[in-house]
Amino acid sequence: ALSEVYRKKFTTFFNHNAEVLWRNGVNKNDLLFSSSWSTPVV
């Protein structure tokens, strides 16, 4: 029942957050996440 315009916008944002988290926000040495999804754990 959600309009396609909103579905497209929502899906884009959702997918983008996941992309940024996995590509930029994960410490690839120990696979931990910080409070920022764009910055790895220190």
Full PDB file with SEQRES, HELIX, SHEET, SSBOND, CRYST1, ORIGX, SCALE, CONECT and MASTER records, all heavy atoms in Angstrom:
SEQRES   1 A   42  ALA LEU SER GLU VAL TYR ARG LYS LYS PHE THR THR PHE          
SEQRES   2 A   42  PHE ASN HIS ASN ALA GLU VAL LEU TRP ARG ASN GLY VAL          
SEQRES   3 A   42  ASN LYS ASN ASP LEU LEU PHE SER SER SER TRP SER THR          
SEQRES   4 A   42  PRO VAL VAL                                                  
HELIX    1 AA1 GLU A    4  ASN A   24  1                                  21    
CRYST1    1.000    1.000    1.000  90.00  90.00  90.00 P 1           1          
ORIGX1      1.000000  0.000000  0.000000        0.00000                         
ORIGX2      0.000000  1.000000  0.000000        0.00000                         
ORIGX3      0.000000  0.000000  1.000000        0.00000                         
SCALE1      1.000000  0.000000  0.000000        0.00000                         
SCALE2      0.000000  1.000000  0.000000        0.00000                         
SCALE3      0.000000  0.000000  1.000000        0.00000                         
ATOM      1  N   ALA A   1       0.807  -1.219   0.000  1.00  0.00           N  
ATOM      2  CA  ALA A   1       0.000   0.000   0.000  1.00  0.00           C  
ATOM      3  C   ALA A   1       0.844   1.274   0.000  1.00  0.00           C  
ATOM      4  O   ALA A   1       0.304   2.369  -0.162  1.00  0.00           O  
ATOM      5  CB  ALA A   1      -0.937   0.006   1.217  1.00  0.00           C  
ATOM      6  N   LEU A   2       2.149   1.154   0.189  1.00  0.00           N  
ATOM      7  CA  LEU A   2       3.019   2.329   0.151  1.00  0.00           C  
ATOM      8  C   LEU A   2       3.226   2.748  -1.296  1.00  0.00           C  
ATOM      9  O   LEU A   2       3.474   1.911  -2.167  1.00  0.00           O  
ATOM     10  CB  LEU A   2       4.369   2.001   0.796  1.00  0.00           C  
ATOM     11  CG  LEU A   2       5.337   3.175   0.991  1.00  0.00           C  
ATOM     12  CD1 LEU A   2       4.815   4.125   2.056  1.00  0.00           C  
ATOM     13  CD2 LEU A   2       6.723   2.664   1.370  1.00  0.00           C  
ATOM     14  N   SER A   3       3.125   4.039  -1.569  1.00  0.00           N  
ATOM     15  CA  SER A   3       3.269   4.509  -2.948  1.00  0.00           C  
ATOM     16  C   SER A   3       4.678   4.212  -3.455  1.00  0.00           C  
ATOM     17  O   SER A   3       5.648   4.162  -2.694  1.00  0.00           O  
ATOM     18  CB  SER A   3       3.003   6.011  -3.026  1.00  0.00           C  
ATOM     19  OG  SER A   3       4.095   6.741  -2.491  1.00  0.00           O  
ATOM     20  N   GLU A   4       4.793   4.020  -4.751  1.00  0.00           N  
ATOM     21  CA  GLU A   4       6.082   3.692  -5.342  1.00  0.00           C  
ATOM     22  C   GLU A   4       7.093   4.819  -5.163  1.00  0.00           C  
ATOM     23  O   GLU A   4       8.298   4.580  -5.065  1.00  0.00           O  
ATOM     24  CB  GLU A   4       5.914   3.352  -6.824  1.00  0.00           C  
ATOM     25  CG  GLU A   4       5.325   1.970  -7.062  1.00  0.00           C  
ATOM     26  CD  GLU A   4       6.131   0.876  -6.376  1.00  0.00           C  
ATOM     27  OE1 GLU A   4       7.369   0.854  -6.520  1.00  0.00           O  
ATOM     28  OE2 GLU A   4       5.520   0.048  -5.677  1.00  0.00           O  
ATOM     29  N   VAL A   5       6.610   6.056  -5.150  1.00  0.00           N  
ATOM     30  CA  VAL A   5       7.523   7.185  -4.961  1.00  0.00           C  
ATOM     31  C   VAL A   5       8.205   7.085  -3.605  1.00  0.00           C  
ATOM     32  O   VAL A   5       9.424   7.235  -3.486  1.00  0.00           O  
ATOM     33  CB  VAL A   5       6.770   8.519  -5.088  1.00  0.00           C  
ATOM     34  CG1 VAL A   5       7.678   9.696  -4.751  1.00  0.00           C  
ATOM     35  CG2 VAL A   5       6.201   8.683  -6.491  1.00  0.00           C  
ATOM     36  N   TYR A   6       7.415   6.822  -2.572  1.00  0.00           N  
ATOM     37  CA  TYR A   6       7.994   6.668  -1.239  1.00  0.00           C  
ATOM     38  C   TYR A   6       8.825   5.387  -1.128  1.00  0.00           C  
ATOM     39  O   TYR A   6       9.881   5.377  -0.489  1.00  0.00           O  
ATOM     40  CB  TYR A   6       6.898   6.672  -0.179  1.00  0.00           C  
ATOM     41  CG  TYR A   6       6.468   8.061   0.213  1.00  0.00           C  
ATOM     42  CD1 TYR A   6       5.249   8.579  -0.216  1.00  0.00           C  
ATOM     43  CD2 TYR A   6       7.275   8.864   1.006  1.00  0.00           C  
ATOM     44  CE1 TYR A   6       4.849   9.855   0.135  1.00  0.00           C  
ATOM     45  CE2 TYR A   6       6.884  10.141   1.363  1.00  0.00           C  
ATOM     46  CZ  TYR A   6       5.674  10.636   0.927  1.00  0.00           C  
ATOM     47  OH  TYR A   6       5.281  11.902   1.280  1.00  0.00           O  
ATOM     48  N   ARG A   7       8.339   4.319  -1.728  1.00  0.00           N  
ATOM     49  CA  ARG A   7       9.094   3.071  -1.651  1.00  0.00           C  
ATOM     50  C   ARG A   7      10.494   3.254  -2.237  1.00  0.00           C  
ATOM     51  O   ARG A   7      11.487   2.769  -1.685  1.00  0.00           O  
ATOM     52  CB  ARG A   7       8.369   1.948  -2.385  1.00  0.00           C  
ATOM     53  CG  ARG A   7       9.019   0.574  -2.161  1.00  0.00           C  
ATOM     54  CD  ARG A   7       8.432  -0.501  -3.067  1.00  0.00           C  
ATOM     55  NE  ARG A   7       7.008  -0.346  -3.248  1.00  0.00           N  
ATOM     56  CZ  ARG A   7       6.090  -0.697  -2.342  1.00  0.00           C  
ATOM     57  NH1 ARG A   7       6.467  -1.226  -1.200  1.00  0.00           N  
ATOM     58  NH2 ARG A   7       4.804  -0.521  -2.586  1.00  0.00           N  
ATOM     59  N   LYS A   8      10.572   3.965  -3.354  1.00  0.00           N  
ATOM     60  CA  LYS A   8      11.861   4.184  -3.999  1.00  0.00           C  
ATOM     61  C   LYS A   8      12.772   5.010  -3.109  1.00  0.00           C  
ATOM     62  O   LYS A   8      13.954   4.677  -2.912  1.00  0.00           O  
ATOM     63  CB  LYS A   8      11.656   4.883  -5.340  1.00  0.00           C  
ATOM     64  CG  LYS A   8      12.938   5.085  -6.139  1.00  0.00           C  
ATOM     65  CD  LYS A   8      12.621   5.703  -7.492  1.00  0.00           C  
ATOM     66  CE  LYS A   8      13.888   5.853  -8.320  1.00  0.00           C  
ATOM     67  NZ  LYS A   8      13.608   6.442  -9.653  1.00  0.00           N  
ATOM     68  N   LYS A   9      12.226   6.064  -2.551  1.00  0.00           N  
ATOM     69  CA  LYS A   9      13.031   6.919  -1.674  1.00  0.00           C  
ATOM     70  C   LYS A   9      13.486   6.155  -0.433  1.00  0.00           C  
ATOM     71  O   LYS A   9      14.655   6.210  -0.039  1.00  0.00           O  
ATOM     72  CB  LYS A   9      12.244   8.157  -1.262  1.00  0.00           C  
ATOM     73  CG  LYS A   9      13.053   9.080  -0.351  1.00  0.00           C  
ATOM     74  CD  LYS A   9      12.279  10.324   0.058  1.00  0.00           C  
ATOM     75  CE  LYS A   9      13.181  11.246   0.886  1.00  0.00           C  
ATOM     76  NZ  LYS A   9      12.485  12.447   1.352  1.00  0.00           N  
ATOM     77  N   PHE A  10      12.567   5.444   0.202  1.00  0.00           N  
ATOM     78  CA  PHE A  10      12.885   4.723   1.432  1.00  0.00           C  
ATOM     79  C   PHE A  10      13.907   3.608   1.180  1.00  0.00           C  
ATOM     80  O   PHE A  10      14.850   3.421   1.948  1.00  0.00           O  
ATOM     81  CB  PHE A  10      11.620   4.137   2.050  1.00  0.00           C  
ATOM     82  CG  PHE A  10      10.688   5.163   2.654  1.00  0.00           C  
ATOM     83  CD1 PHE A  10      10.975   6.519   2.626  1.00  0.00           C  
ATOM     84  CD2 PHE A  10       9.497   4.762   3.248  1.00  0.00           C  
ATOM     85  CE1 PHE A  10      10.110   7.460   3.183  1.00  0.00           C  
ATOM     86  CE2 PHE A  10       8.630   5.690   3.819  1.00  0.00           C  
ATOM     87  CZ  PHE A  10       8.932   7.039   3.776  1.00  0.00           C  
ATOM     88  N   THR A  11      13.707   2.871   0.088  1.00  0.00           N  
ATOM     89  CA  THR A  11      14.615   1.770  -0.223  1.00  0.00           C  
ATOM     90  C   THR A  11      16.008   2.291  -0.531  1.00  0.00           C  
ATOM     91  O   THR A  11      17.021   1.702  -0.117  1.00  0.00           O  
ATOM     92  CB  THR A  11      14.076   0.945  -1.402  1.00  0.00           C  
ATOM     93  OG1 THR A  11      12.782   0.431  -1.072  1.00  0.00           O  
ATOM     94  CG2 THR A  11      15.005  -0.213  -1.732  1.00  0.00           C  
ATOM     95  N   THR A  12      16.073   3.393  -1.261  1.00  0.00           N  
ATOM     96  CA  THR A  12      17.364   4.000  -1.578  1.00  0.00           C  
ATOM     97  C   THR A  12      18.119   4.368  -0.308  1.00  0.00           C  
ATOM     98  O   THR A  12      19.306   4.067  -0.157  1.00  0.00           O  
ATOM     99  CB  THR A  12      17.159   5.252  -2.453  1.00  0.00           C  
ATOM    100  OG1 THR A  12      16.626   4.864  -3.712  1.00  0.00           O  
ATOM    101  CG2 THR A  12      18.470   5.994  -2.667  1.00  0.00           C  
ATOM    102  N   PHE A  13      17.437   5.023   0.613  1.00  0.00           N  
ATOM    103  CA  PHE A  13      18.082   5.449   1.860  1.00  0.00           C  
ATOM    104  C   PHE A  13      18.515   4.243   2.687  1.00  0.00           C  
ATOM    105  O   PHE A  13      19.626   4.206   3.235  1.00  0.00           O  
ATOM    106  CB  PHE A  13      17.132   6.332   2.660  1.00  0.00           C  
ATOM    107  CG  PHE A  13      17.762   6.922   3.895  1.00  0.00           C  
ATOM    108  CD1 PHE A  13      18.546   8.066   3.814  1.00  0.00           C  
ATOM    109  CD2 PHE A  13      17.574   6.331   5.137  1.00  0.00           C  
ATOM    110  CE1 PHE A  13      19.141   8.609   4.946  1.00  0.00           C  
ATOM    111  CE2 PHE A  13      18.156   6.867   6.275  1.00  0.00           C  
ATOM    112  CZ  PHE A  13      18.939   8.011   6.184  1.00  0.00           C  
ATOM    113  N   PHE A  14      17.653   3.272   2.782  1.00  0.00           N  
ATOM    114  CA  PHE A  14      17.952   2.056   3.545  1.00  0.00           C  
ATOM    115  C   PHE A  14      19.193   1.361   2.985  1.00  0.00           C  
ATOM    116  O   PHE A  14      20.144   1.037   3.718  1.00  0.00           O  
ATOM    117  CB  PHE A  14      16.734   1.131   3.487  1.00  0.00           C  
ATOM    118  CG  PHE A  14      16.942  -0.222   4.105  1.00  0.00           C  
ATOM    119  CD1 PHE A  14      16.921  -0.386   5.475  1.00  0.00           C  
ATOM    120  CD2 PHE A  14      17.131  -1.339   3.299  1.00  0.00           C  
ATOM    121  CE1 PHE A  14      17.103  -1.648   6.045  1.00  0.00           C  
ATOM    122  CE2 PHE A  14      17.315  -2.595   3.857  1.00  0.00           C  
ATOM    123  CZ  PHE A  14      17.298  -2.747   5.238  1.00  0.00           C  
ATOM    124  N   ASN A  15      19.205   1.137   1.677  1.00  0.00           N  
ATOM    125  CA  ASN A  15      20.339   0.457   1.050  1.00  0.00           C  
ATOM    126  C   ASN A  15      21.629   1.263   1.196  1.00  0.00           C  
ATOM    127  O   ASN A  15      22.706   0.702   1.419  1.00  0.00           O  
ATOM    128  CB  ASN A  15      20.056   0.207  -0.430  1.00  0.00           C  
ATOM    129  CG  ASN A  15      18.997  -0.859  -0.649  1.00  0.00           C  
ATOM    130  OD1 ASN A  15      18.666  -1.626   0.253  1.00  0.00           O  
ATOM    131  ND2 ASN A  15      18.442  -0.906  -1.849  1.00  0.00           N  
ATOM    132  N   HIS A  16      21.493   2.571   1.076  1.00  0.00           N  
ATOM    133  CA  HIS A  16      22.673   3.430   1.176  1.00  0.00           C  
ATOM    134  C   HIS A  16      23.306   3.351   2.567  1.00  0.00           C  
ATOM    135  O   HIS A  16      24.540   3.286   2.691  1.00  0.00           O  
ATOM    136  CB  HIS A  16      22.282   4.866   0.852  1.00  0.00           C  
ATOM    137  CG  HIS A  16      23.409   5.844   0.983  1.00  0.00           C  
ATOM    138  ND1 HIS A  16      24.467   5.886   0.116  1.00  0.00           N  
ATOM    139  CD2 HIS A  16      23.649   6.801   1.912  1.00  0.00           C  
ATOM    140  CE1 HIS A  16      25.302   6.841   0.481  1.00  0.00           C  
ATOM    141  NE2 HIS A  16      24.833   7.407   1.575  1.00  0.00           N  
ATOM    142  N   ASN A  17      22.501   3.359   3.616  1.00  0.00           N  
ATOM    143  CA  ASN A  17      23.037   3.236   4.968  1.00  0.00           C  
ATOM    144  C   ASN A  17      23.815   1.941   5.132  1.00  0.00           C  
ATOM    145  O   ASN A  17      24.893   1.916   5.736  1.00  0.00           O  
ATOM    146  CB  ASN A  17      21.910   3.313   5.996  1.00  0.00           C  
ATOM    147  CG  ASN A  17      21.554   4.715   6.392  1.00  0.00           C  
ATOM    148  OD1 ASN A  17      21.894   5.192   7.468  1.00  0.00           O  
ATOM    149  ND2 ASN A  17      20.847   5.409   5.509  1.00  0.00           N  
ATOM    150  N   ALA A  18      23.271   0.849   4.603  1.00  0.00           N  
ATOM    151  CA  ALA A  18      23.961  -0.436   4.708  1.00  0.00           C  
ATOM    152  C   ALA A  18      25.276  -0.422   3.930  1.00  0.00           C  
ATOM    153  O   ALA A  18      26.300  -0.945   4.398  1.00  0.00           O  
ATOM    154  CB  ALA A  18      23.055  -1.561   4.213  1.00  0.00           C  
ATOM    155  N   GLU A  19      25.260   0.162   2.751  1.00  0.00           N  
ATOM    156  CA  GLU A  19      26.485   0.254   1.948  1.00  0.00           C  
ATOM    157  C   GLU A  19      27.572   1.030   2.693  1.00  0.00           C  
ATOM    158  O   GLU A  19      28.725   0.599   2.774  1.00  0.00           O  
ATOM    159  CB  GLU A  19      26.186   0.941   0.608  1.00  0.00           C  
ATOM    160  CG  GLU A  19      25.345   0.139  -0.359  1.00  0.00           C  
ATOM    161  CD  GLU A  19      26.186  -0.749  -1.265  1.00  0.00           C  
ATOM    162  OE1 GLU A  19      27.435  -0.642  -1.216  1.00  0.00           O  
ATOM    163  OE2 GLU A  19      25.594  -1.537  -2.021  1.00  0.00           O  
ATOM    164  N   VAL A  20      27.206   2.178   3.230  1.00  0.00           N  
ATOM    165  CA  VAL A  20      28.189   3.007   3.929  1.00  0.00           C  
ATOM    166  C   VAL A  20      28.722   2.281   5.162  1.00  0.00           C  
ATOM    167  O   VAL A  20      29.925   2.281   5.436  1.00  0.00           O  
ATOM    168  CB  VAL A  20      27.584   4.370   4.315  1.00  0.00           C  
ATOM    169  CG1 VAL A  20      28.527   5.147   5.238  1.00  0.00           C  
ATOM    170  CG2 VAL A  20      27.288   5.194   3.059  1.00  0.00           C  
ATOM    171  N   LEU A  21      27.831   1.646   5.911  1.00  0.00           N  
ATOM    172  CA  LEU A  21      28.265   0.919   7.106  1.00  0.00           C  
ATOM    173  C   LEU A  21      29.277  -0.164   6.752  1.00  0.00           C  
ATOM    174  O   LEU A  21      30.347  -0.253   7.366  1.00  0.00           O  
ATOM    175  CB  LEU A  21      27.058   0.294   7.807  1.00  0.00           C  
ATOM    176  CG  LEU A  21      27.399  -0.644   8.979  1.00  0.00           C  
ATOM    177  CD1 LEU A  21      28.060   0.116  10.113  1.00  0.00           C  
ATOM    178  CD2 LEU A  21      26.149  -1.369   9.470  1.00  0.00           C  
ATOM    179  N   TRP A  22      28.952  -1.012   5.776  1.00  0.00           N  
ATOM    180  CA  TRP A  22      29.817  -2.158   5.492  1.00  0.00           C  
ATOM    181  C   TRP A  22      31.119  -1.744   4.800  1.00  0.00           C  
ATOM    182  O   TRP A  22      32.172  -2.332   5.034  1.00  0.00           O  
ATOM    183  CB  TRP A  22      29.076  -3.192   4.656  1.00  0.00           C  
ATOM    184  CG  TRP A  22      29.820  -4.479   4.545  1.00  0.00           C  
ATOM    185  CD1 TRP A  22      30.345  -5.027   3.409  1.00  0.00           C  
ATOM    186  CD2 TRP A  22      30.154  -5.389   5.604  1.00  0.00           C  
ATOM    187  NE1 TRP A  22      30.972  -6.216   3.685  1.00  0.00           N  
ATOM    188  CE2 TRP A  22      30.867  -6.464   5.039  1.00  0.00           C  
ATOM    189  CE3 TRP A  22      29.917  -5.387   6.971  1.00  0.00           C  
ATOM    190  CZ2 TRP A  22      31.349  -7.536   5.796  1.00  0.00           C  
ATOM    191  CZ3 TRP A  22      30.385  -6.461   7.733  1.00  0.00           C  
ATOM    192  CH2 TRP A  22      31.095  -7.505   7.144  1.00  0.00           C  
ATOM    193  N   ARG A  23      31.046  -0.711   3.961  1.00  0.00           N  
ATOM    194  CA  ARG A  23      32.256  -0.306   3.246  1.00  0.00           C  
ATOM    195  C   ARG A  23      33.150   0.607   4.085  1.00  0.00           C  
ATOM    196  O   ARG A  23      34.377   0.538   4.002  1.00  0.00           O  
ATOM    197  CB  ARG A  23      31.888   0.392   1.933  1.00  0.00           C  
ATOM    198  CG  ARG A  23      31.151  -0.505   0.961  1.00  0.00           C  
ATOM    199  CD  ARG A  23      30.895   0.184  -0.369  1.00  0.00           C  
ATOM    200  NE  ARG A  23      30.014  -0.617  -1.206  1.00  0.00           N  
ATOM    201  CZ  ARG A  23      30.393  -1.694  -1.897  1.00  0.00           C  
ATOM    202  NH1 ARG A  23      31.648  -2.093  -1.852  1.00  0.00           N  
ATOM    203  NH2 ARG A  23      29.517  -2.356  -2.632  1.00  0.00           N  
ATOM    204  N   ASN A  24      32.548   1.468   4.893  1.00  0.00           N  
ATOM    205  CA  ASN A  24      33.323   2.501   5.587  1.00  0.00           C  
ATOM    206  C   ASN A  24      33.288   2.390   7.111  1.00  0.00           C  
ATOM    207  O   ASN A  24      34.196   2.883   7.779  1.00  0.00           O  
ATOM    208  CB  ASN A  24      32.808   3.898   5.212  1.00  0.00           C  
ATOM    209  CG  ASN A  24      32.874   4.159   3.724  1.00  0.00           C  
ATOM    210  OD1 ASN A  24      33.697   3.587   3.014  1.00  0.00           O  
ATOM    211  ND2 ASN A  24      31.999   5.025   3.237  1.00  0.00           N  
ATOM    212  N   GLY A  25      32.250   1.790   7.667  1.00  0.00           N  
ATOM    213  CA  GLY A  25      32.044   1.859   9.100  1.00  0.00           C  
ATOM    214  C   GLY A  25      32.393   0.605   9.875  1.00  0.00           C  
ATOM    215  O   GLY A  25      32.124   0.537  11.078  1.00  0.00           O  
ATOM    216  N   VAL A  26      32.984  -0.386   9.206  1.00  0.00           N  
ATOM    217  CA  VAL A  26      33.331  -1.625   9.895  1.00  0.00           C  
ATOM    218  C   VAL A  26      34.838  -1.713  10.065  1.00  0.00           C  
ATOM    219  O   VAL A  26      35.604  -1.425   9.142  1.00  0.00           O  
ATOM    220  CB  VAL A  26      32.802  -2.874   9.147  1.00  0.00           C  
ATOM    221  CG1 VAL A  26      33.404  -2.992   7.760  1.00  0.00           C  
ATOM    222  CG2 VAL A  26      33.055  -4.138   9.951  1.00  0.00           C  
ATOM    223  N   ASN A  27      35.250  -2.057  11.269  1.00  0.00           N  
ATOM    224  CA  ASN A  27      36.653  -2.334  11.525  1.00  0.00           C  
ATOM    225  C   ASN A  27      36.956  -3.722  10.973  1.00  0.00           C  
ATOM    226  O   ASN A  27      36.534  -4.731  11.525  1.00  0.00           O  
ATOM    227  CB  ASN A  27      36.924  -2.282  13.030  1.00  0.00           C  
ATOM    228  CG  ASN A  27      38.395  -2.454  13.361  1.00  0.00           C  
ATOM    229  OD1 ASN A  27      39.117  -3.161  12.669  1.00  0.00           O  
ATOM    230  ND2 ASN A  27      38.835  -1.814  14.428  1.00  0.00           N  
ATOM    231  N   LYS A  28      37.650  -3.780   9.871  1.00  0.00           N  
ATOM    232  CA  LYS A  28      37.843  -5.048   9.161  1.00  0.00           C  
ATOM    233  C   LYS A  28      38.831  -5.974   9.862  1.00  0.00           C  
ATOM    234  O   LYS A  28      39.013  -7.117   9.449  1.00  0.00           O  
ATOM    235  CB  LYS A  28      38.245  -4.778   7.713  1.00  0.00           C  
ATOM    236  CG  LYS A  28      37.124  -4.105   6.923  1.00  0.00           C  
ATOM    237  CD  LYS A  28      37.536  -3.779   5.510  1.00  0.00           C  
ATOM    238  CE  LYS A  28      36.362  -3.228   4.715  1.00  0.00           C  
ATOM    239  NZ  LYS A  28      35.832  -1.960   5.258  1.00  0.00           N  
ATOM    240  N   ASN A  29      39.475  -5.490  10.905  1.00  0.00           N  
ATOM    241  CA  ASN A  29      40.356  -6.357  11.680  1.00  0.00           C  
ATOM    242  C   ASN A  29      39.603  -7.187  12.702  1.00  0.00           C  
ATOM    243  O   ASN A  29      39.998  -8.302  13.015  1.00  0.00           O  
ATOM    244  CB  ASN A  29      41.430  -5.528  12.385  1.00  0.00           C  
ATOM    245  CG  ASN A  29      42.400  -4.901  11.414  1.00  0.00           C  
ATOM    246  OD1 ASN A  29      42.837  -5.549  10.468  1.00  0.00           O  
ATOM    247  ND2 ASN A  29      42.713  -3.634  11.623  1.00  0.00           N  
ATOM    248  N   ASP A  30      38.526  -6.619  13.262  1.00  0.00           N  
ATOM    249  CA  ASP A  30      37.795  -7.385  14.278  1.00  0.00           C  
ATOM    250  C   ASP A  30      36.285  -7.312  14.145  1.00  0.00           C  
ATOM    251  O   ASP A  30      35.560  -7.830  14.978  1.00  0.00           O  
ATOM    252  CB  ASP A  30      38.206  -6.962  15.681  1.00  0.00           C  
ATOM    253  CG  ASP A  30      38.017  -5.468  15.928  1.00  0.00           C  
ATOM    254  OD1 ASP A  30      37.369  -4.794  15.101  1.00  0.00           O  
ATOM    255  OD2 ASP A  30      38.504  -4.992  16.962  1.00  0.00           O  
ATOM    256  N   LEU A  31      35.786  -6.687  13.076  1.00  0.00           N  
ATOM    257  CA  LEU A  31      34.360  -6.708  12.747  1.00  0.00           C  
ATOM    258  C   LEU A  31      33.492  -6.174  13.888  1.00  0.00           C  
ATOM    259  O   LEU A  31      32.504  -6.785  14.278  1.00  0.00           O  
ATOM    260  CB  LEU A  31      33.927  -8.123  12.356  1.00  0.00           C  
ATOM    261  CG  LEU A  31      34.607  -8.664  11.099  1.00  0.00           C  
ATOM    262  CD1 LEU A  31      34.262 -10.133  10.890  1.00  0.00           C  
ATOM    263  CD2 LEU A  31      34.199  -7.854   9.876  1.00  0.00           C  
ATOM    264  N   LEU A  32      33.861  -5.003  14.398  1.00  0.00           N  
ATOM    265  CA  LEU A  32      33.055  -4.304  15.388  1.00  0.00           C  
ATOM    266  C   LEU A  32      32.528  -3.011  14.778  1.00  0.00           C  
ATOM    267  O   LEU A  32      33.134  -2.450  13.865  1.00  0.00           O  
ATOM    268  CB  LEU A  32      33.880  -3.991  16.639  1.00  0.00           C  
ATOM    269  CG  LEU A  32      34.352  -5.175  17.470  1.00  0.00           C  
ATOM    270  CD1 LEU A  32      35.259  -4.693  18.598  1.00  0.00           C  
ATOM    271  CD2 LEU A  32      33.165  -5.958  18.038  1.00  0.00           C  
ATOM    272  N   PHE A  33      31.408  -2.529  15.313  1.00  0.00           N  
ATOM    273  CA  PHE A  33      30.808  -1.295  14.814  1.00  0.00           C  
ATOM    274  C   PHE A  33      30.835  -0.217  15.881  1.00  0.00           C  
ATOM    275  O   PHE A  33      30.638  -0.488  17.071  1.00  0.00           O  
ATOM    276  CB  PHE A  33      29.364  -1.542  14.374  1.00  0.00           C  
ATOM    277  CG  PHE A  33      29.233  -2.574  13.299  1.00  0.00           C  
ATOM    278  CD1 PHE A  33      28.687  -3.818  13.583  1.00  0.00           C  
ATOM    279  CD2 PHE A  33      29.675  -2.318  12.023  1.00  0.00           C  
ATOM    280  CE1 PHE A  33      28.579  -4.784  12.604  1.00  0.00           C  
ATOM    281  CE2 PHE A  33      29.581  -3.279  11.025  1.00  0.00           C  
ATOM    282  CZ  PHE A  33      29.025  -4.523  11.312  1.00  0.00           C  
ATOM    283  N   SER A  34      31.033   1.019  15.439  1.00  0.00           N  
ATOM    284  CA  SER A  34      31.022   2.166  16.342  1.00  0.00           C  
ATOM    285  C   SER A  34      29.646   2.825  16.300  1.00  0.00           C  
ATOM    286  O   SER A  34      28.733   2.353  15.623  1.00  0.00           O  
ATOM    287  CB  SER A  34      32.101   3.164  15.934  1.00  0.00           C  
ATOM    288  OG  SER A  34      31.726   3.855  14.751  1.00  0.00           O  
ATOM    289  N   SER A  35      29.516   3.939  17.001  1.00  0.00           N  
ATOM    290  CA  SER A  35      28.250   4.674  16.995  1.00  0.00           C  
ATOM    291  C   SER A  35      28.038   5.424  15.689  1.00  0.00           C  
ATOM    292  O   SER A  35      26.933   5.883  15.406  1.00  0.00           O  
ATOM    293  CB  SER A  35      28.190   5.649  18.168  1.00  0.00           C  
ATOM    294  OG  SER A  35      29.257   6.584  18.095  1.00  0.00           O  
ATOM    295  N   SER A  36      29.089   5.562  14.894  1.00  0.00           N  
ATOM    296  CA  SER A  36      28.991   6.186  13.576  1.00  0.00           C  
ATOM    297  C   SER A  36      29.048   5.115  12.509  1.00  0.00           C  
ATOM    298  O   SER A  36      29.971   4.289  12.506  1.00  0.00           O  
ATOM    299  CB  SER A  36      30.127   7.188  13.359  1.00  0.00           C  
ATOM    300  OG  SER A  36      30.198   7.579  11.993  1.00  0.00           O  
ATOM    301  N   TRP A  37      28.119   5.133  11.587  1.00  0.00           N  
ATOM    302  CA  TRP A  37      28.108   4.137  10.524  1.00  0.00           C  
ATOM    303  C   TRP A  37      29.054   4.481   9.384  1.00  0.00           C  
ATOM    304  O   TRP A  37      29.176   3.710   8.429  1.00  0.00           O  
ATOM    305  CB  TRP A  37      26.686   3.930  10.013  1.00  0.00           C  
ATOM    306  CG  TRP A  37      25.872   3.093  10.951  1.00  0.00           C  
ATOM    307  CD1 TRP A  37      26.320   2.401  12.031  1.00  0.00           C  
ATOM    308  CD2 TRP A  37      24.463   2.840  10.880  1.00  0.00           C  
ATOM    309  NE1 TRP A  37      25.290   1.733  12.650  1.00  0.00           N  
ATOM    310  CE2 TRP A  37      24.133   1.995  11.956  1.00  0.00           C  
ATOM    311  CE3 TRP A  37      23.448   3.254  10.026  1.00  0.00           C  
ATOM    312  CZ2 TRP A  37      22.827   1.551  12.193  1.00  0.00           C  
ATOM    313  CZ3 TRP A  37      22.146   2.816  10.256  1.00  0.00           C  
ATOM    314  CH2 TRP A  37      21.838   1.967  11.328  1.00  0.00           C  
ATOM    315  N   SER A  38      29.738   5.610   9.471  1.00  0.00           N  
ATOM    316  CA  SER A  38      30.710   5.969   8.431  1.00  0.00           C  
ATOM    317  C   SER A  38      32.145   5.897   8.933  1.00  0.00           C  
ATOM    318  O   SER A  38      33.069   6.153   8.167  1.00  0.00           O  
ATOM    319  CB  SER A  38      30.420   7.387   7.912  1.00  0.00           C  
ATOM    320  OG  SER A  38      30.588   8.341   8.946  1.00  0.00           O  
ATOM    321  N   THR A  39      32.332   5.529  10.200  1.00  0.00           N  
ATOM    322  CA  THR A  39      33.667   5.549  10.804  1.00  0.00           C  
ATOM    323  C   THR A  39      33.931   4.243  11.540  1.00  0.00           C  
ATOM    324  O   THR A  39      33.132   3.856  12.402  1.00  0.00           O  
ATOM    325  CB  THR A  39      33.804   6.718  11.793  1.00  0.00           C  
ATOM    326  OG1 THR A  39      33.438   7.939  11.144  1.00  0.00           O  
ATOM    327  CG2 THR A  39      35.228   6.813  12.320  1.00  0.00           C  
ATOM    328  N   PRO A  40      35.025   3.561  11.265  1.00  0.00           N  
ATOM    329  CA  PRO A  40      35.318   2.308  11.961  1.00  0.00           C  
ATOM    330  C   PRO A  40      35.625   2.530  13.441  1.00  0.00           C  
ATOM    331  O   PRO A  40      35.983   3.624  13.866  1.00  0.00           O  
ATOM    332  CB  PRO A  40      36.559   1.772  11.229  1.00  0.00           C  
ATOM    333  CG  PRO A  40      36.614   2.509   9.943  1.00  0.00           C  
ATOM    334  CD  PRO A  40      36.007   3.852  10.207  1.00  0.00           C  
ATOM    335  N   VAL A  41      35.519   1.462  14.198  1.00  0.00           N  
ATOM    336  CA  VAL A  41      35.860   1.487  15.614  1.00  0.00           C  
ATOM    337  C   VAL A  41      37.349   1.762  15.785  1.00  0.00           C  
ATOM    338  O   VAL A  41      38.180   1.223  15.060  1.00  0.00           O  
ATOM    339  CB  VAL A  41      35.502   0.140  16.277  1.00  0.00           C  
ATOM    340  CG1 VAL A  41      36.123   0.025  17.664  1.00  0.00           C  
ATOM    341  CG2 VAL A  41      33.996  -0.028  16.350  1.00  0.00           C  
ATOM    342  N   VAL A  42      37.670   2.607  16.753  1.00  0.00           N  
ATOM    343  CA  VAL A  42      39.050   2.785  17.194  1.00  0.00           C  
ATOM    344  C   VAL A  42      39.118   2.245  18.614  1.00  0.00           C  
ATOM    345  O   VAL A  42      38.491   2.778  19.523  1.00  0.00           O  
ATOM    346  CB  VAL A  42      39.474   4.265  17.156  1.00  0.00           C  
ATOM    347  CG1 VAL A  42      40.892   4.419  17.705  1.00  0.00           C  
ATOM    348  CG2 VAL A  42      39.383   4.812  15.734  1.00  0.00           C  
TER     349      VAL A  42                                                      
MASTER        0    0    0    1    0    0    0    6  348    1    0    4          
END                                                                             
